[in-house]
N, C-alpha and C. Protein backbone atom coordinates (compact mmCIF):
# COMPACT_ATOMS: atom_id res chain seq x y z
N MET A 1 13.74 0.22 -2.77
CA MET A 1 13.81 -0.49 -1.50
C MET A 1 13.24 0.41 -0.42
N PRO A 2 12.42 -0.12 0.49
CA PRO A 2 11.86 0.69 1.55
C PRO A 2 12.97 1.33 2.38
N GLU A 3 12.75 2.55 2.80
CA GLU A 3 13.73 3.30 3.58
C GLU A 3 13.25 3.41 5.02
N PHE A 4 14.17 3.85 5.88
CA PHE A 4 13.77 4.12 7.25
C PHE A 4 14.25 5.51 7.61
N THR A 5 13.59 6.08 8.59
CA THR A 5 13.94 7.41 9.05
C THR A 5 13.99 7.40 10.57
N PRO A 6 15.19 7.66 11.17
CA PRO A 6 15.21 7.79 12.62
C PRO A 6 14.63 9.15 13.00
N ILE A 7 13.69 9.17 13.93
CA ILE A 7 13.01 10.41 14.30
C ILE A 7 13.07 10.55 15.82
N PRO A 8 13.56 11.70 16.32
CA PRO A 8 13.51 11.91 17.76
C PRO A 8 12.07 11.82 18.26
N PRO A 9 11.83 11.19 19.42
CA PRO A 9 10.45 11.02 19.89
C PRO A 9 9.66 12.31 19.99
N ASP A 10 10.32 13.43 20.27
CA ASP A 10 9.60 14.71 20.36
C ASP A 10 9.00 15.13 19.03
N ASP A 11 9.56 14.67 17.93
CA ASP A 11 9.06 15.01 16.60
C ASP A 11 8.04 14.00 16.10
N ALA A 12 7.73 13.01 16.89
CA ALA A 12 6.87 11.92 16.45
C ALA A 12 5.40 12.27 16.26
N PRO A 13 4.88 13.37 16.81
CA PRO A 13 3.44 13.61 16.63
C PRO A 13 2.97 13.67 15.19
N PHE A 14 3.87 13.98 14.25
CA PHE A 14 3.43 14.05 12.86
C PHE A 14 3.22 12.67 12.24
N LEU A 15 3.63 11.63 12.93
CA LEU A 15 3.47 10.28 12.39
C LEU A 15 2.01 9.87 12.45
N ASP A 16 1.59 9.14 11.46
CA ASP A 16 0.24 8.61 11.42
C ASP A 16 0.27 7.23 12.06
N GLU A 17 -0.10 7.15 13.33
CA GLU A 17 -0.03 5.89 14.06
C GLU A 17 -0.91 4.81 13.45
N GLY A 18 -1.94 5.20 12.71
CA GLY A 18 -2.83 4.23 12.10
C GLY A 18 -2.43 3.85 10.69
N ASN A 19 -1.29 4.35 10.23
CA ASN A 19 -0.84 4.06 8.88
C ASN A 19 -0.40 2.61 8.78
N GLU A 20 -1.11 1.84 7.98
CA GLU A 20 -0.79 0.41 7.85
C GLU A 20 0.50 0.17 7.08
N ASN A 21 1.05 1.20 6.45
CA ASN A 21 2.29 1.04 5.70
C ASN A 21 3.51 1.45 6.51
N GLN A 22 3.33 1.82 7.78
CA GLN A 22 4.45 2.22 8.62
C GLN A 22 4.70 1.18 9.71
N LEU A 23 5.96 0.81 9.85
CA LEU A 23 6.40 0.00 10.98
C LEU A 23 7.27 0.92 11.83
N VAL A 24 7.07 0.91 13.13
CA VAL A 24 7.77 1.84 14.01
C VAL A 24 8.47 1.07 15.11
N LEU A 25 9.73 1.44 15.35
CA LEU A 25 10.51 0.88 16.44
C LEU A 25 11.09 2.04 17.24
N VAL A 26 10.89 2.02 18.56
CA VAL A 26 11.47 3.05 19.42
C VAL A 26 12.63 2.41 20.17
N LYS A 27 13.81 3.05 20.06
CA LYS A 27 15.00 2.49 20.69
C LYS A 27 15.98 3.61 21.02
N LYS A 28 16.45 3.63 22.24
CA LYS A 28 17.47 4.59 22.69
C LYS A 28 17.12 6.03 22.32
N GLY A 29 15.89 6.43 22.57
CA GLY A 29 15.50 7.81 22.32
C GLY A 29 15.24 8.15 20.87
N HIS A 30 15.26 7.18 19.99
CA HIS A 30 14.95 7.41 18.58
C HIS A 30 13.76 6.56 18.17
N ARG A 31 13.04 7.08 17.24
CA ARG A 31 11.88 6.38 16.69
C ARG A 31 12.23 6.06 15.24
N TYR A 32 12.38 4.79 14.92
CA TYR A 32 12.71 4.36 13.57
C TYR A 32 11.41 4.04 12.84
N VAL A 33 11.21 4.72 11.73
CA VAL A 33 9.98 4.54 10.96
C VAL A 33 10.34 3.92 9.62
N PHE A 34 9.72 2.81 9.32
CA PHE A 34 9.94 2.11 8.07
C PHE A 34 8.65 2.14 7.27
N GLU A 35 8.73 2.61 6.05
CA GLU A 35 7.58 2.59 5.14
C GLU A 35 7.63 1.26 4.38
N CYS A 36 6.53 0.56 4.38
CA CYS A 36 6.48 -0.74 3.71
C CYS A 36 5.08 -0.97 3.18
N GLY A 37 4.90 -0.72 1.90
CA GLY A 37 3.59 -0.92 1.29
C GLY A 37 3.38 -2.38 0.91
N PRO A 38 2.17 -2.72 0.53
CA PRO A 38 1.88 -4.09 0.10
C PRO A 38 2.83 -4.53 -1.02
N GLY A 39 3.40 -5.71 -0.87
CA GLY A 39 4.32 -6.24 -1.87
C GLY A 39 5.77 -5.83 -1.65
N GLN A 40 6.04 -4.97 -0.68
CA GLN A 40 7.41 -4.53 -0.41
C GLN A 40 8.03 -5.24 0.80
N GLU A 41 7.36 -6.23 1.32
CA GLU A 41 7.83 -6.90 2.53
C GLU A 41 9.22 -7.52 2.35
N HIS A 42 9.43 -8.19 1.24
CA HIS A 42 10.73 -8.82 1.00
C HIS A 42 11.83 -7.76 0.93
N GLU A 43 11.54 -6.65 0.28
CA GLU A 43 12.53 -5.57 0.18
C GLU A 43 12.85 -4.99 1.55
N LEU A 44 11.84 -4.85 2.40
CA LEU A 44 12.08 -4.33 3.74
C LEU A 44 12.96 -5.30 4.54
N LEU A 45 12.70 -6.59 4.43
CA LEU A 45 13.54 -7.56 5.13
C LEU A 45 14.99 -7.50 4.65
N GLN A 46 15.19 -7.29 3.35
CA GLN A 46 16.55 -7.13 2.83
C GLN A 46 17.20 -5.88 3.39
N ARG A 47 16.44 -4.80 3.47
CA ARG A 47 16.96 -3.54 4.01
C ARG A 47 17.33 -3.71 5.48
N LEU A 48 16.49 -4.39 6.24
CA LEU A 48 16.80 -4.64 7.65
C LEU A 48 18.08 -5.46 7.79
N GLN A 49 18.25 -6.44 6.91
CA GLN A 49 19.45 -7.27 6.94
C GLN A 49 20.70 -6.40 6.74
N LEU A 50 20.64 -5.47 5.81
CA LEU A 50 21.77 -4.57 5.57
C LEU A 50 22.01 -3.65 6.77
N LEU A 51 20.94 -3.15 7.35
CA LEU A 51 21.08 -2.23 8.48
C LEU A 51 21.70 -2.90 9.69
N VAL A 52 21.25 -4.10 10.02
CA VAL A 52 21.79 -4.76 11.22
C VAL A 52 23.22 -5.25 11.00
N ALA A 53 23.61 -5.46 9.76
CA ALA A 53 24.98 -5.88 9.47
C ALA A 53 25.95 -4.70 9.51
N ASP A 54 25.43 -3.48 9.49
CA ASP A 54 26.25 -2.27 9.50
C ASP A 54 26.67 -1.95 10.94
N PRO A 55 27.97 -1.99 11.24
CA PRO A 55 28.41 -1.72 12.62
C PRO A 55 28.17 -0.28 13.06
N ASN A 56 27.91 0.62 12.13
CA ASN A 56 27.65 2.02 12.47
C ASN A 56 26.17 2.28 12.76
N ASN A 57 25.37 1.23 12.77
CA ASN A 57 23.94 1.35 12.98
C ASN A 57 23.57 0.79 14.34
N ASP A 58 22.62 1.40 15.02
CA ASP A 58 22.19 0.94 16.35
C ASP A 58 21.22 -0.24 16.31
N LEU A 59 20.71 -0.57 15.14
CA LEU A 59 19.75 -1.67 15.05
C LEU A 59 20.48 -3.01 15.10
N ASN A 60 19.84 -4.00 15.74
CA ASN A 60 20.44 -5.33 15.82
C ASN A 60 19.41 -6.37 15.34
N TRP A 61 19.80 -7.64 15.43
CA TRP A 61 18.92 -8.70 14.92
C TRP A 61 17.62 -8.81 15.71
N PHE A 62 17.68 -8.53 17.01
CA PHE A 62 16.45 -8.55 17.79
C PHE A 62 15.48 -7.48 17.29
N ASP A 63 16.01 -6.29 16.99
CA ASP A 63 15.17 -5.21 16.45
C ASP A 63 14.54 -5.63 15.12
N ALA A 64 15.34 -6.28 14.29
CA ALA A 64 14.83 -6.76 13.00
C ALA A 64 13.72 -7.79 13.21
N ALA A 65 13.90 -8.65 14.22
CA ALA A 65 12.87 -9.65 14.52
C ALA A 65 11.59 -8.98 15.01
N VAL A 66 11.71 -7.94 15.83
CA VAL A 66 10.53 -7.21 16.31
C VAL A 66 9.79 -6.58 15.13
N LEU A 67 10.54 -5.94 14.23
CA LEU A 67 9.92 -5.29 13.07
C LEU A 67 9.29 -6.32 12.13
N SER A 68 9.96 -7.44 11.92
CA SER A 68 9.38 -8.45 11.03
C SER A 68 8.13 -9.07 11.67
N HIS A 69 8.12 -9.19 12.99
CA HIS A 69 6.92 -9.67 13.68
C HIS A 69 5.77 -8.67 13.50
N GLN A 70 6.08 -7.38 13.65
CA GLN A 70 5.08 -6.33 13.41
C GLN A 70 4.50 -6.46 12.01
N MET A 71 5.40 -6.65 11.04
CA MET A 71 4.97 -6.76 9.65
C MET A 71 4.07 -7.98 9.47
N GLY A 72 4.45 -9.11 10.06
CA GLY A 72 3.63 -10.32 9.97
C GLY A 72 2.26 -10.13 10.60
N GLN A 73 2.21 -9.45 11.74
CA GLN A 73 0.92 -9.18 12.39
C GLN A 73 0.03 -8.32 11.50
N ARG A 74 0.61 -7.31 10.88
CA ARG A 74 -0.17 -6.44 10.00
C ARG A 74 -0.67 -7.20 8.78
N MET A 75 0.18 -8.06 8.23
CA MET A 75 -0.24 -8.85 7.07
C MET A 75 -1.38 -9.79 7.48
N SER A 76 -1.27 -10.39 8.65
CA SER A 76 -2.33 -11.27 9.15
C SER A 76 -3.63 -10.51 9.34
N ASP A 77 -3.54 -9.32 9.92
CA ASP A 77 -4.74 -8.49 10.11
C ASP A 77 -5.38 -8.13 8.78
N GLN A 78 -4.55 -7.79 7.79
CA GLN A 78 -5.08 -7.44 6.47
C GLN A 78 -5.76 -8.63 5.81
N LEU A 79 -5.16 -9.81 5.93
CA LEU A 79 -5.77 -11.02 5.36
C LEU A 79 -7.08 -11.36 6.06
N THR A 80 -7.12 -11.18 7.37
CA THR A 80 -8.36 -11.44 8.11
C THR A 80 -9.47 -10.50 7.66
N LYS A 81 -9.14 -9.22 7.50
CA LYS A 81 -10.14 -8.24 7.03
C LYS A 81 -10.63 -8.62 5.63
N LEU A 82 -9.72 -9.00 4.76
CA LEU A 82 -10.09 -9.38 3.40
C LEU A 82 -10.99 -10.61 3.41
N TYR A 83 -10.62 -11.60 4.21
CA TYR A 83 -11.41 -12.83 4.31
C TYR A 83 -12.83 -12.53 4.80
N ARG A 84 -12.92 -11.72 5.85
CA ARG A 84 -14.24 -11.39 6.41
C ARG A 84 -15.09 -10.59 5.43
N SER A 85 -14.45 -9.68 4.70
CA SER A 85 -15.22 -8.87 3.74
C SER A 85 -15.73 -9.73 2.59
N ARG A 86 -14.97 -10.72 2.18
CA ARG A 86 -15.40 -11.60 1.08
C ARG A 86 -16.46 -12.59 1.54
N ARG A 87 -16.38 -13.00 2.81
CA ARG A 87 -17.38 -13.93 3.34
C ARG A 87 -18.73 -13.25 3.49
N SER A 88 -18.70 -11.97 3.82
CA SER A 88 -19.97 -11.26 4.04
C SER A 88 -20.55 -10.71 2.75
N ALA A 89 -19.81 -10.79 1.66
CA ALA A 89 -20.31 -10.26 0.38
C ALA A 89 -21.23 -11.22 -0.32
């Protein structure tokens, strides 16, 4: 199951902002990084569901919606790139 790592913003420079497998949420001085490779989207959504249900976690349903929207945008971008590359071939 995809994991997440809360990272203080000062430590964020090591993150690869262009990494298509990373979803990032910044909240209350923490940067939450979720690794989600192709085909792991369902597992990430399940993980988010568990995290927001945990009262000891700062993430809520709105945060999960933001991350799932990010994931959908990335999937759409990937499909668009694939479509364009196949049309031009």
